[in-house]
Each structure stands twice: as structure tokens, then as C-alpha cells.
């Protein structure tokens, strides 16, 4: 009898998946939660054999180090040592995110192509990663015809260089912006917490309450962002059209970060900008989608997909990946112990497997956030109890809870999670 019930349950789940893929049904919340559970490694799902090439972390701005190597190189080597195939780096002309043991000697007139040739980046690109996600700065809401033409040319030259330099290597580079909704709103302060409803109160992280109406120039901001993204995508398109035979792949991605604001009608990257442009991919800095079950994350990814206009290069594929996702292991009550933290990560992995998300990039290798502003201002390195806990590796060199969980995923690729031993 138990076997019959199990068979019927599995059959129903697969029929739901099949129907969903055919577009004939809309899943209920309960069906989504069940689908996520089917794909959770801690609940018996098979870990993909290629999990190494789908799992990664960001390295930038950490407040501690362990070697005397240039900080960028140290972090990339640590990621390869841990077994990750994906690295996200800040690819900026201001290398302030990589200060320790580093002599950058960068000219103020350096181009993106020249930056890719810098010995520090060149050394990292030679490491055995399958994918680099590069956060590339740009004009954003200040984009003009002149700046967009200049940026298109720089992205074109960078893309062409990468395609030619690594033509004999099976490697992917994703060029993307930092959190686009914050860029469109001009920053991350209280003024950037937009609402449509006059007098509506929005609760801030610090407990204060305030009101910010969508500004009158929001349409101008939307158009500027669209112009900017078109320029970047055009730069990538031009280079790909010229370099025909390369094992290296270069994509352009647009990163959004206030997806559920867009879903509620507030002007944003997903609802206002994506419909105006074509893009290879969309990256989601997904903190607004991190509930305990994975339900919001699932719905957010689906919502983004509904709004993507993929380039011809993508052949109809609407690709969304998690370009930033993290759990501060020393910040929130109830998420400071291994069990709850690992349970959430398992749910998020379940979402990614259920929706075939190509990359999950954790924030981050070494924590960049001290617990308070006074500690942020100090330039010496920080200790464990001074940090919020966005880390794979703690300041004492031990693995955080996320790293311990990911380590088991990597070690058991193609098989099942050894839950009894974890």
C-alpha cells in the first residue's frame, strides 16, 4: 500500500512538471513547494554531476586575508581549492575591492580590454574555472548618446579580446552590471525605497519608517538604463559576430535586485526596462526572494523569465541565474545555527534544480560586512565576532555553514547527499 501511495504521488508530481513545461497549467503554491522538495538534495534528490560548474561565490571587499599574495589572486585560488567552477569578480577600473598585498598601478585612462590583460586578472582567468561573472561598472542613469557609444565600444573590444585570447578553452564570461534597481534609483538609501501609494509606510531594516514616492523623472531613468543596456549588448553582439570560431563564450547579463517591487507595479528593471531591450541573460541579486521555503525565489525567477526578451544568440532560451544570494550567519535570530542555515540553502538549491537555473553565486568568499559602522571605518582586518557572516570562509580559516553544505554537494556530485553524516 505504501509503495502504491508513493508511486501515485511521484506520478502526480511528474504530470504537474510535464503540464507546466507545456504551459497548460499554473502551479499552486503547494505544488511549487512539492516540486522544490523533490529537487532538494537533503530530501533525497540526485545532485547534478555538473554542480561544480553551476555553483560559485563572489570575491570582493572581504575584510581579512590569509596569504601574502595579491588579494584578487588569493581569493580565486581559494575558490578553486574549495572546488567551485564559478567565480564572480568586481571587474572595475577602481580596484578598491582588492586592496591587500596589491600594487595595481592602473592608469586613469585604462580600458576594459587593458584591465583584462592586467597581471592580476590574467592570473585569475588562467585558473581552472568554467565561468567568470564580471561585474562591470558603467554610466547607468547618466547614460547619454555619447557615453553609450563609448561604452559599446569598450564592451566590444573587451569581448573580442576574451573570445580571441581564450579561443581554445571551454570557458564562459558573463559581463553584467551591479544591482540595476539600485542603480536606477540612484543608490541604496531611504530615498531609494520607492512606493506608488501616497502616505504608504515602508519598514526599513533599521526599524525606522518612511515614505518615498516614485520620482517624477522615473521614465527618464528607465530610458537611460535601457540605452545603457542596449549599448552593452550591442558591444557583445558585434564582437561575437566577428569572432566566429572560439570555444570561449561571452554573454551580457542585466542584473536586477528589486524583483518583487516590479511585480507590485513599482518601476524597476524587470517590469520597466527588460521589455525595452534584448539581453542574453538576467542576473538576480535575490535577497528580496529569500523566504524559508524557496517559494518566493521560485516565483521571482518565473516572473523575470516572463519579462525577458532574449537575443537571437540565445535561440529562444530565457536564462535567469542567481548572481547574488547570501545568508548572514551572524545577523538574524534563528539563522545563526547550522541547521536552519543549511535547510534554507537546500531549499534554494532545490529551486535552482527544479527550474534548471544555470548558476547560483553565493555572497561571498570572505565576509565584507562588519556588524556596525564603526567597524566598517577601520582599515585593519576583522575577527569572527565582528562580522555579519556573509562568508564561505570565516576569519579564522574555518568553513561557514554554507561552505560545509556546498562542500558535500561538490563531493557527492552525481549521487545523493550523505544527510546522515552531515
Protein backbone atom coordinates (compact mmCIF):
# COMPACT_ATOMS: atom_id res chain seq x y z
CA UNK A 1 0.00 0.00 0.00
CA UNK A 2 2.82 2.41 0.90
CA UNK A 3 4.50 1.67 -2.42
CA UNK A 4 1.26 2.40 -4.28
CA UNK A 5 0.81 5.73 -2.50
CA UNK A 6 4.41 6.68 -3.23
CA UNK A 7 4.02 5.72 -6.91
CA UNK A 8 0.83 7.79 -7.27
CA UNK A 9 2.47 10.78 -5.54
CA UNK A 10 5.52 10.68 -7.80
CA UNK A 11 3.35 10.21 -10.88
CA UNK A 12 1.26 13.24 -9.97
CA UNK A 13 4.35 15.36 -9.41
CA UNK A 14 5.80 14.42 -12.78
CA UNK A 15 2.49 15.08 -14.50
CA UNK A 16 2.46 18.55 -12.96
CA UNK A 17 6.01 19.19 -14.17
CA UNK A 18 5.14 17.99 -17.67
CA UNK A 19 1.99 20.08 -17.81
CA UNK A 20 3.85 23.14 -16.58
CA UNK A 21 6.55 22.76 -19.21
CA UNK A 22 3.83 22.59 -21.85
CA UNK A 23 2.33 25.80 -20.45
CA UNK A 24 -1.08 24.23 -19.81
CA UNK A 25 -1.30 24.77 -16.05
CA UNK A 26 -0.35 27.30 -13.43
CA UNK A 27 1.09 25.65 -10.35
CA UNK A 28 -0.40 26.35 -6.96
CA UNK A 29 1.87 27.40 -4.12
CA UNK A 30 1.59 23.93 -2.64
CA UNK A 31 2.53 22.29 -5.93
CA UNK A 32 5.57 24.57 -6.22
CA UNK A 33 6.68 23.68 -2.69
CA UNK A 34 6.29 19.98 -3.52
CA UNK A 35 8.31 20.43 -6.72
CA UNK A 36 11.07 22.20 -4.78
CA UNK A 37 11.08 19.38 -2.22
CA UNK A 38 11.51 16.79 -5.00
CA UNK A 39 14.69 18.59 -6.05
CA UNK A 40 16.19 19.16 -2.60
CA UNK A 41 19.40 17.16 -2.02
CA UNK A 42 18.68 16.80 1.70
CA UNK A 43 15.37 15.17 0.79
CA UNK A 44 16.98 12.59 -1.49
CA UNK A 45 17.26 14.37 -4.84
CA UNK A 46 20.21 13.44 -7.04
CA UNK A 47 22.92 16.10 -7.08
CA UNK A 48 23.74 17.06 -10.69
CA UNK A 49 27.06 15.71 -11.91
CA UNK A 50 27.93 19.21 -13.15
CA UNK A 51 27.14 21.00 -9.87
CA UNK A 52 30.73 22.31 -9.77
CA UNK A 53 30.08 24.33 -12.91
CA UNK A 54 26.82 25.74 -11.56
CA UNK A 55 27.93 26.72 -8.07
CA UNK A 56 30.17 29.64 -7.23
CA UNK A 57 30.87 32.61 -4.99
CA UNK A 58 31.83 36.27 -5.19
CA UNK A 59 35.22 37.51 -4.11
CA UNK A 60 35.43 41.26 -3.43
CA UNK A 61 35.85 43.60 -0.50
CA UNK A 62 36.44 41.00 2.21
CA UNK A 63 37.83 42.31 5.50
CA UNK A 64 40.53 39.68 6.06
CA UNK A 65 43.08 37.57 4.20
CA UNK A 66 45.30 34.51 4.73
CA UNK A 67 48.33 34.82 2.43
CA UNK A 68 50.72 37.48 1.15
CA UNK A 69 49.53 37.04 -2.45
CA UNK A 70 47.62 39.83 -4.22
CA UNK A 71 44.14 39.71 -2.73
CA UNK A 72 42.32 39.07 -6.01
CA UNK A 73 44.54 36.11 -6.79
CA UNK A 74 44.38 34.73 -3.24
CA UNK A 75 40.59 34.62 -3.35
CA UNK A 76 40.40 33.00 -6.76
CA UNK A 77 42.89 30.33 -5.73
CA UNK A 78 40.88 29.66 -2.58
CA UNK A 79 37.69 29.19 -4.65
CA UNK A 80 39.42 26.63 -6.88
CA UNK A 81 40.82 24.90 -3.81
CA UNK A 82 37.28 24.62 -2.44
CA UNK A 83 36.14 23.07 -5.72
CA UNK A 84 33.98 25.80 -7.27
CA UNK A 85 33.81 26.21 -11.02
CA UNK A 86 32.22 29.68 -10.97
CA UNK A 87 33.78 32.92 -9.72
CA UNK A 88 32.19 36.35 -9.59
CA UNK A 89 34.61 39.29 -9.53
CA UNK A 90 34.35 43.08 -9.49
CA UNK A 91 35.84 44.00 -12.87
CA UNK A 92 36.32 47.69 -12.21
CA UNK A 93 38.80 50.38 -13.16
CA UNK A 94 38.85 51.28 -9.47
CA UNK A 95 40.25 48.10 -7.86
CA UNK A 96 39.37 49.17 -4.32
CA UNK A 97 37.72 45.82 -3.66
CA UNK A 98 41.10 44.08 -3.78
CA UNK A 99 43.47 46.10 -1.55
CA UNK A 100 45.64 43.63 0.36
CA UNK A 101 49.17 42.92 -0.88
CA UNK A 102 48.32 44.59 -4.18
CA UNK A 103 50.04 47.14 -6.40
CA UNK A 104 47.57 47.72 -9.18
CA UNK A 105 49.29 50.68 -10.87
CA UNK A 106 46.28 51.35 -13.06
CA UNK A 107 46.14 54.40 -15.33
CA UNK A 108 43.03 56.57 -15.04
CA UNK A 109 42.59 56.07 -18.79
CA UNK A 110 42.73 52.26 -18.73
CA UNK A 111 40.22 50.45 -20.95
CA UNK A 112 38.30 47.30 -20.07
CA UNK A 113 40.38 45.35 -22.58
CA UNK A 114 43.58 46.57 -20.92
CA UNK A 115 42.14 45.71 -17.50
CA UNK A 116 41.61 42.12 -18.67
CA UNK A 117 45.32 42.00 -19.50
CA UNK A 118 46.37 43.19 -16.04
CA UNK A 119 48.61 40.55 -14.43
CA UNK A 120 46.20 40.02 -11.51
CA UNK A 121 43.13 39.40 -13.68
CA UNK A 122 45.16 37.44 -16.24
CA UNK A 123 46.40 35.14 -13.47
CA UNK A 124 42.84 34.57 -12.24
CA UNK A 125 41.48 33.94 -15.74
CA UNK A 126 44.14 31.25 -16.18
CA UNK A 127 42.82 29.31 -13.18
CA UNK A 128 40.59 26.29 -13.90
CA UNK A 129 37.18 27.97 -13.62
CA UNK A 130 34.46 27.21 -16.15
CA UNK A 131 32.68 30.56 -15.69
CA UNK A 132 33.56 34.08 -14.62
CA UNK A 133 30.78 36.55 -13.86
CA UNK A 134 32.31 40.02 -14.11
CA UNK A 135 30.54 42.97 -12.51
CA UNK A 136 31.40 45.84 -14.85
CA UNK A 137 30.74 49.46 -13.85
CA UNK A 138 29.11 51.96 -16.21
CA UNK A 139 27.04 55.09 -16.77
CA UNK A 140 23.62 53.78 -15.65
CA UNK A 141 21.04 56.57 -15.31
CA UNK A 142 23.65 59.07 -16.54
CA UNK A 143 23.84 57.37 -19.93
CA UNK A 144 23.87 59.70 -22.93
CA UNK A 145 24.30 59.06 -26.66
CA UNK A 146 27.99 59.84 -26.28
CA UNK A 147 28.58 57.67 -23.21
CA UNK A 148 26.58 54.76 -24.66
CA UNK A 149 28.67 54.81 -27.85
CA UNK A 150 31.84 54.87 -25.77
CA UNK A 151 30.64 52.03 -23.56
CA UNK A 152 29.52 49.92 -26.51
CA UNK A 153 32.99 50.23 -27.99
CA UNK A 154 34.72 49.25 -24.74
CA UNK A 155 32.47 46.23 -24.24
CA UNK A 156 33.05 45.26 -27.88
CA UNK A 157 36.84 45.45 -27.50
CA UNK A 158 36.77 43.51 -24.22
CA UNK A 159 34.51 40.81 -25.65
CA UNK A 160 36.59 40.42 -28.79
CA UNK A 161 39.77 40.18 -26.72
CA UNK A 162 38.31 37.45 -24.48
CA UNK A 163 36.95 35.46 -27.41
CA UNK A 164 40.33 35.54 -29.14
CA UNK A 165 42.55 35.16 -26.08
CA UNK A 166 40.69 32.09 -24.81
CA UNK A 167 39.57 30.71 -28.18
CA UNK A 168 40.99 27.26 -27.42
CA UNK A 169 39.46 27.00 -23.95
CA UNK A 170 35.96 25.97 -22.93
CA UNK A 171 35.23 28.95 -20.69
CA UNK A 172 32.36 31.41 -20.19
CA UNK A 173 32.50 35.10 -19.29
CA UNK A 174 29.32 36.91 -18.25
CA UNK A 175 29.53 40.71 -18.31
CA UNK A 176 26.89 42.32 -16.12
CA UNK A 177 26.03 45.38 -14.06
CA UNK A 178 25.74 45.71 -10.29
CA UNK A 179 22.20 45.67 -8.84
CA UNK A 180 20.24 47.51 -11.53
CA UNK A 181 17.27 48.65 -9.49
CA UNK A 182 19.51 50.42 -7.00
CA UNK A 183 21.38 51.98 -9.92
CA UNK A 184 18.13 53.22 -11.43
CA UNK A 185 17.10 54.68 -8.07
CA UNK A 186 20.45 56.38 -7.58
CA UNK A 187 21.68 54.38 -4.58
CA UNK A 188 20.54 52.30 -1.63
CA UNK A 189 19.47 54.88 0.96
CA UNK A 190 15.99 55.63 2.27
CA UNK A 191 15.36 57.80 -0.82
CA UNK A 192 15.61 54.64 -2.94
CA UNK A 193 12.76 52.77 -1.23
CA UNK A 194 10.11 53.63 -3.80
CA UNK A 195 6.36 53.19 -3.42
CA UNK A 196 3.36 54.00 -5.61
CA UNK A 197 0.99 54.84 -2.76
CA UNK A 198 0.98 58.30 -1.22
CA UNK A 199 1.31 58.01 2.55
CA UNK A 200 2.25 54.33 2.45
CA UNK A 201 4.78 53.45 5.12
CA UNK A 202 7.70 51.19 4.25
CA UNK A 203 9.57 49.47 7.08
CA UNK A 204 13.34 49.85 6.90
CA UNK A 205 15.91 47.30 8.03
CA UNK A 206 16.85 49.52 10.97
CA UNK A 207 13.24 49.68 12.17
CA UNK A 208 12.54 53.25 11.07
CA UNK A 209 9.56 54.01 8.86
CA UNK A 210 9.43 56.39 5.94
CA UNK A 211 7.68 57.19 2.67
CA UNK A 212 9.26 57.67 -0.77
CA UNK A 213 7.04 58.17 -3.81
CA UNK A 214 8.27 57.11 -7.25
CA UNK A 215 10.10 60.23 -8.53
CA UNK A 216 8.73 62.29 -11.41
CA UNK A 217 11.75 61.53 -13.58
CA UNK A 218 11.37 57.75 -13.36
CA UNK A 219 10.61 57.47 -17.10
CA UNK A 220 13.85 59.28 -17.92
CA UNK A 221 15.73 56.89 -15.64
CA UNK A 222 14.13 53.88 -17.31
CA UNK A 223 15.07 55.13 -20.76
CA UNK A 224 18.65 55.85 -19.70
CA UNK A 225 19.04 52.34 -18.29
CA UNK A 226 17.60 50.85 -21.46
CA UNK A 227 20.02 52.88 -23.59
CA UNK A 228 22.89 51.68 -21.40
CA UNK A 229 21.93 48.01 -21.63
CA UNK A 230 21.41 48.22 -25.40
CA UNK A 231 24.94 49.63 -25.73
CA UNK A 232 26.45 46.80 -23.72
CA UNK A 233 24.52 44.10 -25.53
CA UNK A 234 25.40 45.62 -28.90
CA UNK A 235 29.07 45.58 -27.96
CA UNK A 236 28.91 41.86 -27.15
CA UNK A 237 26.86 41.14 -30.28
CA UNK A 238 29.34 42.89 -32.57
CA UNK A 239 32.32 41.01 -31.18
CA UNK A 240 30.59 37.64 -31.37
CA UNK A 241 29.67 38.32 -34.99
CA UNK A 242 33.32 38.93 -35.84
CA UNK A 243 34.94 36.08 -33.91
CA UNK A 244 33.31 33.02 -35.42
CA UNK A 245 35.32 30.10 -34.09
CA UNK A 246 36.04 30.24 -30.37
CA UNK A 247 35.44 27.77 -27.59
CA UNK A 248 35.20 30.76 -25.27
CA UNK A 249 31.71 32.22 -24.77
CA UNK A 250 30.89 35.79 -23.73
CA UNK A 251 27.40 36.82 -22.64
CA UNK A 252 25.82 40.06 -21.48
CA UNK A 253 23.50 39.94 -18.47
CA UNK A 254 21.29 42.54 -16.82
CA UNK A 255 21.21 42.32 -13.04
CA UNK A 256 18.01 43.19 -11.15
CA UNK A 257 17.56 43.30 -7.40
CA UNK A 258 14.06 44.57 -6.53
CA UNK A 259 12.07 41.99 -8.43
CA UNK A 260 9.06 41.93 -6.14
CA UNK A 261 8.76 45.72 -6.28
CA UNK A 262 8.46 45.32 -10.05
CA UNK A 263 5.87 42.60 -9.52
CA UNK A 264 3.84 45.08 -7.46
CA UNK A 265 3.94 47.73 -10.18
CA UNK A 266 6.77 49.93 -8.94
CA UNK A 267 9.02 50.92 -11.88
CA UNK A 268 12.03 48.65 -11.97
CA UNK A 269 14.44 46.68 -14.10
CA UNK A 270 12.13 43.70 -14.64
CA UNK A 271 8.80 45.37 -15.39
CA UNK A 272 10.03 48.63 -16.98
CA UNK A 273 13.46 48.05 -18.55
CA UNK A 274 13.55 44.40 -19.67
CA UNK A 275 10.56 44.87 -22.03
CA UNK A 276 12.52 47.63 -23.82
CA UNK A 277 15.73 45.70 -24.50
CA UNK A 278 17.13 42.38 -25.61
CA UNK A 279 19.64 40.60 -23.40
CA UNK A 280 21.42 37.26 -23.28
CA UNK A 281 20.66 36.64 -19.62
CA UNK A 282 19.31 38.18 -16.43
CA UNK A 283 21.11 38.00 -13.10
CA UNK A 284 19.06 38.36 -9.92
CA UNK A 285 20.60 39.69 -6.72
CA UNK A 286 17.91 37.83 -4.89
CA UNK A 287 17.68 38.99 -1.29
CA UNK A 288 14.06 40.07 -1.79
CA UNK A 289 13.18 36.47 -2.67
CA UNK A 290 14.68 34.58 0.25
CA UNK A 291 11.89 33.10 2.35
CA UNK A 292 12.33 29.84 4.25
CA UNK A 293 10.58 27.59 1.72
CA UNK A 294 12.05 28.79 -1.59
CA UNK A 295 8.56 29.71 -2.83
CA UNK A 296 9.36 33.41 -3.38
CA UNK A 297 12.64 32.56 -5.10
CA UNK A 298 10.80 30.23 -7.48
CA UNK A 299 8.11 32.80 -8.26
CA UNK A 300 10.66 35.57 -8.74
CA UNK A 301 12.64 33.55 -11.29
CA UNK A 302 9.45 32.71 -13.18
CA UNK A 303 8.41 36.38 -13.16
CA UNK A 304 11.76 37.50 -14.56
CA UNK A 305 11.54 34.88 -17.30
CA UNK A 306 8.12 36.21 -18.28
CA UNK A 307 9.68 39.61 -18.97
CA UNK A 308 12.90 38.66 -20.79
CA UNK A 309 13.41 39.41 -24.47
CA UNK A 310 16.30 37.08 -25.31
CA UNK A 311 18.79 37.90 -28.04
CA UNK A 312 18.85 35.80 -31.21
CA UNK A 313 22.09 34.29 -29.93
CA UNK A 314 20.14 32.60 -27.11
CA UNK A 315 17.82 30.81 -29.58
CA UNK A 316 14.71 31.45 -27.52
CA UNK A 317 16.16 30.48 -24.14
CA UNK A 318 15.17 32.80 -21.30
CA UNK A 319 18.09 32.42 -18.90
CA UNK A 320 17.91 33.68 -15.32
CA UNK A 321 20.63 32.97 -12.78
CA UNK A 322 21.19 33.92 -9.15
CA UNK A 323 24.05 36.38 -9.42
CA UNK A 324 23.97 37.18 -5.72
CA UNK A 325 22.44 35.23 -2.86
CA UNK A 326 23.60 35.02 0.72
CA UNK A 327 22.63 34.30 4.31
CA UNK A 328 24.47 36.32 7.00
CA UNK A 329 25.27 33.64 9.55
CA UNK A 330 25.74 36.09 12.43
CA UNK A 331 22.98 38.61 11.91
CA UNK A 332 19.43 37.30 12.27
CA UNK A 333 17.95 35.40 15.19
CA UNK A 334 17.02 31.92 14.01
CA UNK A 335 19.67 31.91 11.29
CA UNK A 336 22.80 31.69 13.41
CA UNK A 337 22.92 27.90 13.70
CA UNK A 338 23.91 25.30 11.16
CA UNK A 339 20.54 23.52 10.90
CA UNK A 340 18.35 26.47 9.84
CA UNK A 341 21.03 27.91 7.54
CA UNK A 342 21.61 24.61 5.74
CA UNK A 343 17.87 23.98 5.45
CA UNK A 344 17.42 27.26 3.60
CA UNK A 345 20.35 26.65 1.29
CA UNK A 346 18.91 23.23 0.48
CA UNK A 347 15.58 24.83 -0.44
CA UNK A 348 17.32 27.36 -2.70
CA UNK A 349 19.31 24.62 -4.41
CA UNK A 350 16.01 22.77 -4.85
CA UNK A 351 14.56 25.81 -6.63
CA UNK A 352 17.57 26.07 -8.92
CA UNK A 353 17.40 22.40 -9.84
CA UNK A 354 13.64 22.47 -10.37
CA UNK A 355 13.90 25.47 -12.70
CA UNK A 356 17.21 24.48 -14.32
CA UNK A 357 18.90 27.68 -13.19
CA UNK A 358 22.45 27.57 -14.60
CA UNK A 359 24.30 29.40 -11.81
CA UNK A 360 23.94 30.08 -8.09
CA UNK A 361 26.60 32.54 -6.91
CA UNK A 362 26.89 32.87 -3.14
CA UNK A 363 27.76 36.15 -1.40
CA UNK A 364 30.59 35.69 -0.61
CA UNK A 365 34.01 34.03 -0.14
CA UNK A 366 35.26 36.29 2.69
CA UNK A 367 32.72 38.46 4.51
CA UNK A 368 32.72 42.13 3.54
CA UNK A 369 30.20 43.40 6.14
CA UNK A 370 31.26 44.28 9.71
CA UNK A 371 28.42 44.39 12.22
CA UNK A 372 28.38 48.17 12.62
CA UNK A 373 29.52 51.41 11.01
CA UNK A 374 32.35 51.97 13.50
CA UNK A 375 33.94 48.68 12.47
CA UNK A 376 33.39 49.47 8.78
CA UNK A 377 35.58 52.57 9.08
CA UNK A 378 38.54 50.69 10.49
CA UNK A 379 41.05 49.51 7.90
CA UNK A 380 42.67 46.67 9.84
CA UNK A 381 41.36 43.14 9.38
CA UNK A 382 38.28 41.94 11.23
CA UNK A 383 37.60 39.00 13.57
CA UNK A 384 34.76 36.47 13.52
CA UNK A 385 32.53 38.14 16.12
CA UNK A 386 32.87 41.50 14.35
CA UNK A 387 31.30 40.30 11.08
CA UNK A 388 27.76 39.64 9.88
CA UNK A 389 28.70 36.29 8.41
CA UNK A 390 28.38 36.57 4.62
CA UNK A 391 31.14 34.04 4.11
CA UNK A 392 32.28 30.68 2.93
CA UNK A 393 35.50 31.02 4.93
CA UNK A 394 35.49 32.68 8.35
CA UNK A 395 38.32 34.96 9.54
CA UNK A 396 39.85 32.04 11.47
CA UNK A 397 40.05 29.95 8.28
CA UNK A 398 37.23 27.54 9.12
CA UNK A 399 34.28 26.84 6.82
CA UNK A 400 30.98 28.59 7.42
CA UNK A 401 27.71 26.66 7.37
CA UNK A 402 27.09 27.41 3.68
CA UNK A 403 30.57 26.18 2.74
CA UNK A 404 30.09 22.96 4.69
CA UNK A 405 26.83 22.27 2.86
CA UNK A 406 28.23 23.18 -0.57
CA UNK A 407 31.29 21.03 0.11
CA UNK A 408 29.06 17.97 0.41
CA UNK A 409 27.24 18.87 -2.80
CA UNK A 410 30.56 19.08 -4.64
CA UNK A 411 31.95 15.87 -3.14
CA UNK A 412 28.79 13.91 -3.97
CA UNK A 413 28.12 15.21 -7.49
CA UNK A 414 26.10 12.70 -9.47
CA UNK A 415 24.94 10.96 -6.32
CA UNK A 416 22.99 11.70 -3.15
CA UNK A 417 23.69 13.92 -0.20
CA UNK A 418 25.07 11.99 2.81
CA UNK A 419 22.49 13.51 5.15
CA UNK A 420 23.11 11.03 7.97
CA UNK A 421 26.74 12.06 8.15
CA UNK A 422 26.19 15.80 7.88
